[in-house]
Amino acid sequence: MSRADDLAAKAARLKAKQAGAAAAPAAPVEQRKKVVLADTVRVTVDLPPTQHRELKAWAAAAAEELGRARVTNQDIMKALLARMFADSTLADQIITDLSKSQ
């Protein structure tokens, strides 16, 4: 079979498929339910080296103040996000910061 024959056969299959889809009654559209994920979602953040050093230094100081062996980046992000979601003033300040950085 030549390339032209292959293309003609493919076109005929596509045309038949489209004709069959047009003739078939449309299936009812189901409403999607919101699904709450049970698993956690990983988030990765790229930081400039200076911010990374500042974050590590802050985490070490926080661990010392709390009497813990360490405070992880994850601990910090969870606390920051919880505070941002609960405090509309903080959320507005972050929006302002984001608008300035764009």
C-alpha atoms as a PDB file:
ATOM      1  CA  MET A   1       0.000   0.000   0.000  1.00  0.00           C
ATOM      2  CA  SER A   2       1.373   3.402  -0.946  1.00  0.00           C
ATOM      3  CA  ARG A   3       1.498   6.494   1.228  1.00  0.00           C
ATOM      4  CA  ALA A   4      -1.407   7.995  -0.729  1.00  0.00           C
ATOM      5  CA  ASP A   5      -3.482   4.864  -0.108  1.00  0.00           C
ATOM      6  CA  ASP A   6      -2.681   5.035   3.612  1.00  0.00           C
ATOM      7  CA  LEU A   7      -3.772   8.661   3.777  1.00  0.00           C
ATOM      8  CA  ALA A   8      -6.972   7.966   1.832  1.00  0.00           C
ATOM      9  CA  ALA A   9      -7.848   5.065   4.149  1.00  0.00           C
ATOM     10  CA  LYS A  10      -7.163   7.203   7.216  1.00  0.00           C
ATOM     11  CA  ALA A  11      -9.342  10.007   5.834  1.00  0.00           C
ATOM     12  CA  ALA A  12     -12.177   7.547   5.150  1.00  0.00           C
ATOM     13  CA  ARG A  13     -11.965   6.161   8.719  1.00  0.00           C
ATOM     14  CA  LEU A  14     -11.998   9.668  10.165  1.00  0.00           C
ATOM     15  CA  LYS A  15     -14.980  10.688   8.019  1.00  0.00           C
ATOM     16  CA  ALA A  16     -16.905   7.553   9.053  1.00  0.00           C
ATOM     17  CA  LYS A  17     -16.079   8.188  12.710  1.00  0.00           C
ATOM     18  CA  GLN A  18     -17.258  11.806  12.485  1.00  0.00           C
ATOM     19  CA  ALA A  19     -20.484  10.782  10.703  1.00  0.00           C
ATOM     20  CA  GLY A  20     -21.178   8.163  13.385  1.00  0.00           C
ATOM     21  CA  ALA A  21     -20.548  10.686  16.152  1.00  0.00           C
ATOM     22  CA  ALA A  22     -22.885  13.222  14.553  1.00  0.00           C
ATOM     23  CA  ALA A  23     -25.678  10.655  14.172  1.00  0.00           C
ATOM     24  CA  ALA A  24     -25.395   9.337  17.727  1.00  0.00           C
ATOM     25  CA  PRO A  25     -27.405  11.192  20.369  1.00  0.00           C
ATOM     26  CA  ALA A  26     -25.328  13.248  22.728  1.00  0.00           C
ATOM     27  CA  ALA A  27     -24.742  11.613  26.073  1.00  0.00           C
ATOM     28  CA  PRO A  28     -25.937  13.629  29.054  1.00  0.00           C
ATOM     29  CA  VAL A  29     -23.193  15.660  30.653  1.00  0.00           C
ATOM     30  CA  GLU A  30     -22.594  14.606  34.220  1.00  0.00           C
ATOM     31  CA  GLN A  31     -21.757  17.180  36.819  1.00  0.00           C
ATOM     32  CA  ARG A  32     -18.312  16.638  38.245  1.00  0.00           C
ATOM     33  CA  LYS A  33     -18.212  16.199  41.961  1.00  0.00           C
ATOM     34  CA  LYS A  34     -15.555  17.975  43.940  1.00  0.00           C
ATOM     35  CA  VAL A  35     -13.111  15.415  45.184  1.00  0.00           C
ATOM     36  CA  VAL A  36     -11.092  16.096  48.284  1.00  0.00           C
ATOM     37  CA  LEU A  37      -7.711  14.509  47.957  1.00  0.00           C
ATOM     38  CA  ALA A  38      -6.702  12.388  50.896  1.00  0.00           C
ATOM     39  CA  ASP A  39      -3.027  12.440  49.980  1.00  0.00           C
ATOM     40  CA  THR A  40      -0.704  15.391  50.351  1.00  0.00           C
ATOM     41  CA  VAL A  41       0.524  17.410  47.398  1.00  0.00           C
ATOM     42  CA  ARG A  42       4.208  18.206  47.009  1.00  0.00           C
ATOM     43  CA  VAL A  43       5.183  21.809  46.303  1.00  0.00           C
ATOM     44  CA  THR A  44       8.660  22.791  45.179  1.00  0.00           C
ATOM     45  CA  VAL A  45      10.021  26.328  45.455  1.00  0.00           C
ATOM     46  CA  ASP A  46      13.136  27.653  43.744  1.00  0.00           C
ATOM     47  CA  LEU A  47      14.927  30.289  45.829  1.00  0.00           C
ATOM     48  CA  PRO A  48      17.930  32.468  45.127  1.00  0.00           C
ATOM     49  CA  PRO A  49      20.945  31.407  47.220  1.00  0.00           C
ATOM     50  CA  THR A  50      20.689  34.458  49.510  1.00  0.00           C
ATOM     51  CA  GLN A  51      17.040  33.773  50.368  1.00  0.00           C
ATOM     52  CA  HIS A  52      17.843  30.110  50.947  1.00  0.00           C
ATOM     53  CA  ARG A  53      20.602  31.040  53.402  1.00  0.00           C
ATOM     54  CA  GLU A  54      18.255  33.482  55.169  1.00  0.00           C
ATOM     55  CA  LEU A  55      15.553  30.805  55.394  1.00  0.00           C
ATOM     56  CA  LYS A  56      17.979  28.263  56.846  1.00  0.00           C
ATOM     57  CA  ALA A  57      19.296  30.802  59.368  1.00  0.00           C
ATOM     58  CA  TRP A  58      15.738  31.762  60.381  1.00  0.00           C
ATOM     59  CA  ALA A  59      14.742  28.101  60.734  1.00  0.00           C
ATOM     60  CA  ALA A  60      17.781  27.422  62.933  1.00  0.00           C
ATOM     61  CA  ALA A  61      16.963  30.429  65.135  1.00  0.00           C
ATOM     62  CA  ALA A  62      13.307  29.364  65.373  1.00  0.00           C
ATOM     63  CA  ALA A  63      14.348  25.827  66.335  1.00  0.00           C
ATOM     64  CA  GLU A  64      16.582  27.225  69.066  1.00  0.00           C
ATOM     65  CA  GLU A  65      13.777  29.461  70.382  1.00  0.00           C
ATOM     66  CA  LEU A  66      11.300  26.568  70.341  1.00  0.00           C
ATOM     67  CA  GLY A  67      13.746  24.139  71.946  1.00  0.00           C
ATOM     68  CA  ARG A  68      13.562  21.794  68.986  1.00  0.00           C
ATOM     69  CA  ALA A  69      16.287  20.045  67.069  1.00  0.00           C
ATOM     70  CA  ARG A  70      15.146  21.712  63.869  1.00  0.00           C
ATOM     71  CA  VAL A  71      12.346  23.543  62.105  1.00  0.00           C
ATOM     72  CA  THR A  72      11.866  22.351  58.538  1.00  0.00           C
ATOM     73  CA  ASN A  73      10.960  24.387  55.476  1.00  0.00           C
ATOM     74  CA  GLN A  74       7.726  22.404  55.429  1.00  0.00           C
ATOM     75  CA  ASP A  75       6.915  23.492  58.992  1.00  0.00           C
ATOM     76  CA  ILE A  76       7.519  27.112  58.027  1.00  0.00           C
ATOM     77  CA  MET A  77       5.415  26.916  54.835  1.00  0.00           C
ATOM     78  CA  LYS A  78       2.502  25.253  56.641  1.00  0.00           C
ATOM     79  CA  ALA A  79       2.526  27.909  59.362  1.00  0.00           C
ATOM     80  CA  LEU A  80       2.783  30.754  56.841  1.00  0.00           C
ATOM     81  CA  LEU A  81      -0.038  29.402  54.693  1.00  0.00           C
ATOM     82  CA  ALA A  82      -2.310  28.800  57.684  1.00  0.00           C
ATOM     83  CA  ARG A  83      -1.680  32.357  58.868  1.00  0.00           C
ATOM     84  CA  MET A  84      -2.265  33.806  55.379  1.00  0.00           C
ATOM     85  CA  PHE A  85      -5.560  31.927  54.939  1.00  0.00           C
ATOM     86  CA  ALA A  86      -6.788  33.012  58.378  1.00  0.00           C
ATOM     87  CA  ASP A  87      -5.672  36.664  58.210  1.00  0.00           C
ATOM     88  CA  SER A  88      -7.198  38.735  55.393  1.00  0.00           C
ATOM     89  CA  THR A  89      -4.891  41.685  56.158  1.00  0.00           C
ATOM     90  CA  LEU A  90      -1.842  39.497  55.677  1.00  0.00           C
ATOM     91  CA  ALA A  91      -3.369  38.024  52.514  1.00  0.00           C
ATOM     92  CA  ASP A  92      -3.911  41.561  51.158  1.00  0.00           C
ATOM     93  CA  GLN A  93      -0.302  42.474  51.976  1.00  0.00           C
ATOM     94  CA  ILE A  94       0.908  39.428  50.071  1.00  0.00           C
ATOM     95  CA  ILE A  95      -1.266  40.370  47.085  1.00  0.00           C
ATOM     96  CA  THR A  96       0.296  43.857  47.182  1.00  0.00           C
ATOM     97  CA  ASP A  97       3.794  42.340  47.327  1.00  0.00           C
ATOM     98  CA  LEU A  98       2.986  40.066  44.395  1.00  0.00           C
ATOM     99  CA  SER A  99       1.678  42.951  42.299  1.00  0.00           C
ATOM    100  CA  LYS A 100       4.919  44.867  42.908  1.00  0.00           C
ATOM    101  CA  SER A 101       7.122  41.908  41.964  1.00  0.00           C
ATOM    102  CA  GLN A 102       5.498  41.337  38.554  1.00  0.00           C
END
